Amino acid sequence: MGKRLFVGGMSFDTTLDTLKSAFAQAGGVESAEIKYDKLKGYHKGFGFVEMVSEEDAKKAIEMWNGKELDGRKLTVNEARPMGERPPRREGGGYDRRGDFGNQGSNW
């Protein structure tokens, strides 16, 4: 198990200081980050916390996974490298032809 944790389901009211303080209850926090939307400026509701040891990381998962912080239930688990995630589904409303289909217009 690693020391880096994924933290999802965060309230948009949760600050970096709140996140660090919460996880410090489980042990030493090496670093924490909240991911922000670069265009809109607000955070995306998830982030990462790096604990000092694997033991502290395990304690943090037990302490915070499924528990509420700032009124939202958190999902906390071991962070996975980008390459290990399942592929995203394609979508966005396009059909196989690459358009939105005939929506009543003959343009």
C-alpha atoms as a PDB file:
ATOM      1  CA  MET A   1       0.000   0.000   0.000  1.00  0.00           C
ATOM      2  CA  GLY A   2       1.187   3.511  -0.769  1.00  0.00           C
ATOM      3  CA  LYS A   3       1.140   6.675   1.275  1.00  0.00           C
ATOM      4  CA  ARG A   4      -0.745   8.795  -1.291  1.00  0.00           C
ATOM      5  CA  LEU A   5      -4.526   8.837  -0.872  1.00  0.00           C
ATOM      6  CA  PHE A   6      -7.326   9.869  -3.199  1.00  0.00           C
ATOM      7  CA  VAL A   7     -10.024  11.902  -1.441  1.00  0.00           C
ATOM      8  CA  GLY A   8     -13.282  12.273  -3.361  1.00  0.00           C
ATOM      9  CA  GLY A   9     -16.734  13.645  -2.650  1.00  0.00           C
ATOM     10  CA  MET A  10     -15.431  16.750  -0.896  1.00  0.00           C
ATOM     11  CA  SER A  11     -17.683  19.690  -0.215  1.00  0.00           C
ATOM     12  CA  PHE A  12     -16.867  22.786  -2.231  1.00  0.00           C
ATOM     13  CA  ASP A  13     -16.592  24.496   1.177  1.00  0.00           C
ATOM     14  CA  THR A  14     -13.643  22.285   2.167  1.00  0.00           C
ATOM     15  CA  THR A  15     -10.369  24.203   2.240  1.00  0.00           C
ATOM     16  CA  LEU A  16      -6.835  22.884   2.074  1.00  0.00           C
ATOM     17  CA  ASP A  17      -6.351  23.673   5.771  1.00  0.00           C
ATOM     18  CA  THR A  18      -9.530  21.765   6.668  1.00  0.00           C
ATOM     19  CA  LEU A  19      -8.376  18.768   4.628  1.00  0.00           C
ATOM     20  CA  LYS A  20      -4.913  18.743   6.229  1.00  0.00           C
ATOM     21  CA  SER A  21      -6.332  19.103   9.747  1.00  0.00           C
ATOM     22  CA  ALA A  22      -8.825  16.302   9.225  1.00  0.00           C
ATOM     23  CA  PHE A  23      -6.222  13.838   7.955  1.00  0.00           C
ATOM     24  CA  ALA A  24      -3.697  14.863  10.616  1.00  0.00           C
ATOM     25  CA  GLN A  25      -6.046  13.170  13.098  1.00  0.00           C
ATOM     26  CA  ALA A  26      -4.927   9.848  11.575  1.00  0.00           C
ATOM     27  CA  GLY A  27      -1.192  10.626  11.563  1.00  0.00           C
ATOM     28  CA  GLY A  28       1.426  12.739   9.874  1.00  0.00           C
ATOM     29  CA  VAL A  29       0.430  14.575   6.701  1.00  0.00           C
ATOM     30  CA  GLU A  30       3.312  15.098   4.296  1.00  0.00           C
ATOM     31  CA  SER A  31       1.289  17.093   1.745  1.00  0.00           C
ATOM     32  CA  ALA A  32      -2.243  17.724   0.550  1.00  0.00           C
ATOM     33  CA  GLU A  33      -3.758  19.169  -2.590  1.00  0.00           C
ATOM     34  CA  ILE A  34      -7.218  19.967  -3.870  1.00  0.00           C
ATOM     35  CA  LYS A  35      -7.727  19.836  -7.628  1.00  0.00           C
ATOM     36  CA  TYR A  36      -9.156  22.999  -9.190  1.00  0.00           C
ATOM     37  CA  ASP A  37     -10.886  23.722 -12.481  1.00  0.00           C
ATOM     38  CA  LYS A  38      -8.355  25.976 -14.178  1.00  0.00           C
ATOM     39  CA  LEU A  39     -10.949  27.866 -16.209  1.00  0.00           C
ATOM     40  CA  LYS A  40     -13.651  28.391 -13.606  1.00  0.00           C
ATOM     41  CA  GLY A  41     -11.453  28.662 -10.519  1.00  0.00           C
ATOM     42  CA  TYR A  42     -13.416  26.415  -8.150  1.00  0.00           C
ATOM     43  CA  HIS A  43     -12.280  23.052  -6.897  1.00  0.00           C
ATOM     44  CA  LYS A  44     -13.525  19.841  -8.439  1.00  0.00           C
ATOM     45  CA  GLY A  45     -14.526  18.106  -5.204  1.00  0.00           C
ATOM     46  CA  PHE A  46     -11.513  15.820  -5.011  1.00  0.00           C
ATOM     47  CA  GLY A  47      -7.869  15.892  -4.105  1.00  0.00           C
ATOM     48  CA  PHE A  48      -4.958  13.941  -2.711  1.00  0.00           C
ATOM     49  CA  VAL A  49      -3.317  13.593   0.676  1.00  0.00           C
ATOM     50  CA  GLU A  50       0.159  12.138   1.141  1.00  0.00           C
ATOM     51  CA  MET A  51       0.635  10.632   4.572  1.00  0.00           C
ATOM     52  CA  VAL A  52       4.028  10.252   6.280  1.00  0.00           C
ATOM     53  CA  SER A  53       3.814   6.443   6.431  1.00  0.00           C
ATOM     54  CA  GLU A  54       1.797   3.597   4.969  1.00  0.00           C
ATOM     55  CA  GLU A  55       0.494   2.899   8.470  1.00  0.00           C
ATOM     56  CA  ASP A  56      -0.817   6.474   8.736  1.00  0.00           C
ATOM     57  CA  ALA A  57      -2.389   6.112   5.287  1.00  0.00           C
ATOM     58  CA  LYS A  58      -4.189   2.945   6.366  1.00  0.00           C
ATOM     59  CA  LYS A  59      -5.448   4.712   9.519  1.00  0.00           C
ATOM     60  CA  ALA A  60      -6.669   7.657   7.435  1.00  0.00           C
ATOM     61  CA  ILE A  61      -8.650   5.362   5.128  1.00  0.00           C
ATOM     62  CA  GLU A  62     -10.241   3.621   8.118  1.00  0.00           C
ATOM     63  CA  MET A  63     -10.974   6.958   9.789  1.00  0.00           C
ATOM     64  CA  TRP A  64     -12.341   8.935   6.803  1.00  0.00           C
ATOM     65  CA  ASN A  65     -13.676   6.606   4.094  1.00  0.00           C
ATOM     66  CA  GLY A  66     -17.463   6.917   4.158  1.00  0.00           C
ATOM     67  CA  LYS A  67     -17.368   9.598   6.866  1.00  0.00           C
ATOM     68  CA  GLU A  68     -18.584  13.188   6.575  1.00  0.00           C
ATOM     69  CA  LEU A  69     -16.397  16.258   6.303  1.00  0.00           C
ATOM     70  CA  ASP A  70     -18.099  19.642   5.855  1.00  0.00           C
ATOM     71  CA  GLY A  71     -21.426  17.885   5.316  1.00  0.00           C
ATOM     72  CA  ARG A  72     -20.300  15.545   2.502  1.00  0.00           C
ATOM     73  CA  LYS A  73     -19.471  11.844   2.694  1.00  0.00           C
ATOM     74  CA  LEU A  74     -15.879  11.241   1.591  1.00  0.00           C
ATOM     75  CA  THR A  75     -14.463   8.459  -0.534  1.00  0.00           C
ATOM     76  CA  VAL A  76     -10.907   7.773   0.588  1.00  0.00           C
ATOM     77  CA  ASN A  77      -8.679   5.115  -0.927  1.00  0.00           C
ATOM     78  CA  GLU A  78      -5.162   4.512  -2.123  1.00  0.00           C
ATOM     79  CA  ALA A  79      -4.349   6.767  -5.065  1.00  0.00           C
ATOM     80  CA  ARG A  80      -3.534   4.944  -8.287  1.00  0.00           C
ATOM     81  CA  PRO A  81      -1.167   6.159 -10.979  1.00  0.00           C
ATOM     82  CA  MET A  82      -2.886   7.706 -13.995  1.00  0.00           C
ATOM     83  CA  GLY A  83      -2.133   4.696 -16.216  1.00  0.00           C
ATOM     84  CA  GLU A  84      -3.920   2.195 -13.979  1.00  0.00           C
ATOM     85  CA  ARG A  85      -7.378   3.743 -14.199  1.00  0.00           C
ATOM     86  CA  PRO A  86     -10.022   2.118 -16.393  1.00  0.00           C
ATOM     87  CA  PRO A  87     -10.575   3.908 -19.713  1.00  0.00           C
ATOM     88  CA  ARG A  88     -13.277   6.551 -19.786  1.00  0.00           C
ATOM     89  CA  ARG A  89     -16.418   5.855 -21.735  1.00  0.00           C
ATOM     90  CA  GLU A  90     -16.804   7.712 -24.939  1.00  0.00           C
ATOM     91  CA  GLY A  91     -19.768   9.978 -25.051  1.00  0.00           C
ATOM     92  CA  GLY A  92     -20.735  13.569 -25.276  1.00  0.00           C
ATOM     93  CA  GLY A  93     -23.931  13.101 -27.248  1.00  0.00           C
ATOM     94  CA  TYR A  94     -22.425  12.235 -30.612  1.00  0.00           C
ATOM     95  CA  ASP A  95     -23.676   9.302 -32.622  1.00  0.00           C
ATOM     96  CA  ARG A  96     -21.460   7.030 -34.717  1.00  0.00           C
ATOM     97  CA  ARG A  97     -21.468   9.470 -37.625  1.00  0.00           C
ATOM     98  CA  GLY A  98     -19.744  12.077 -35.461  1.00  0.00           C
ATOM     99  CA  ASP A  99     -22.717  14.416 -35.241  1.00  0.00           C
ATOM    100  CA  PHE A 100     -25.756  14.800 -33.060  1.00  0.00           C
ATOM    101  CA  GLY A 101     -27.961  13.024 -35.562  1.00  0.00           C
ATOM    102  CA  ASN A 102     -30.886  14.540 -37.409  1.00  0.00           C
ATOM    103  CA  GLN A 103     -32.574  16.878 -34.973  1.00  0.00           C
ATOM    104  CA  GLY A 104     -35.301  18.116 -37.276  1.00  0.00           C
ATOM    105  CA  SER A 105     -33.081  20.231 -39.486  1.00  0.00           C
ATOM    106  CA  ASN A 106     -31.954  19.532 -43.017  1.00  0.00           C
ATOM    107  CA  TRP A 107     -28.964  21.835 -42.936  1.00  0.00           C
END
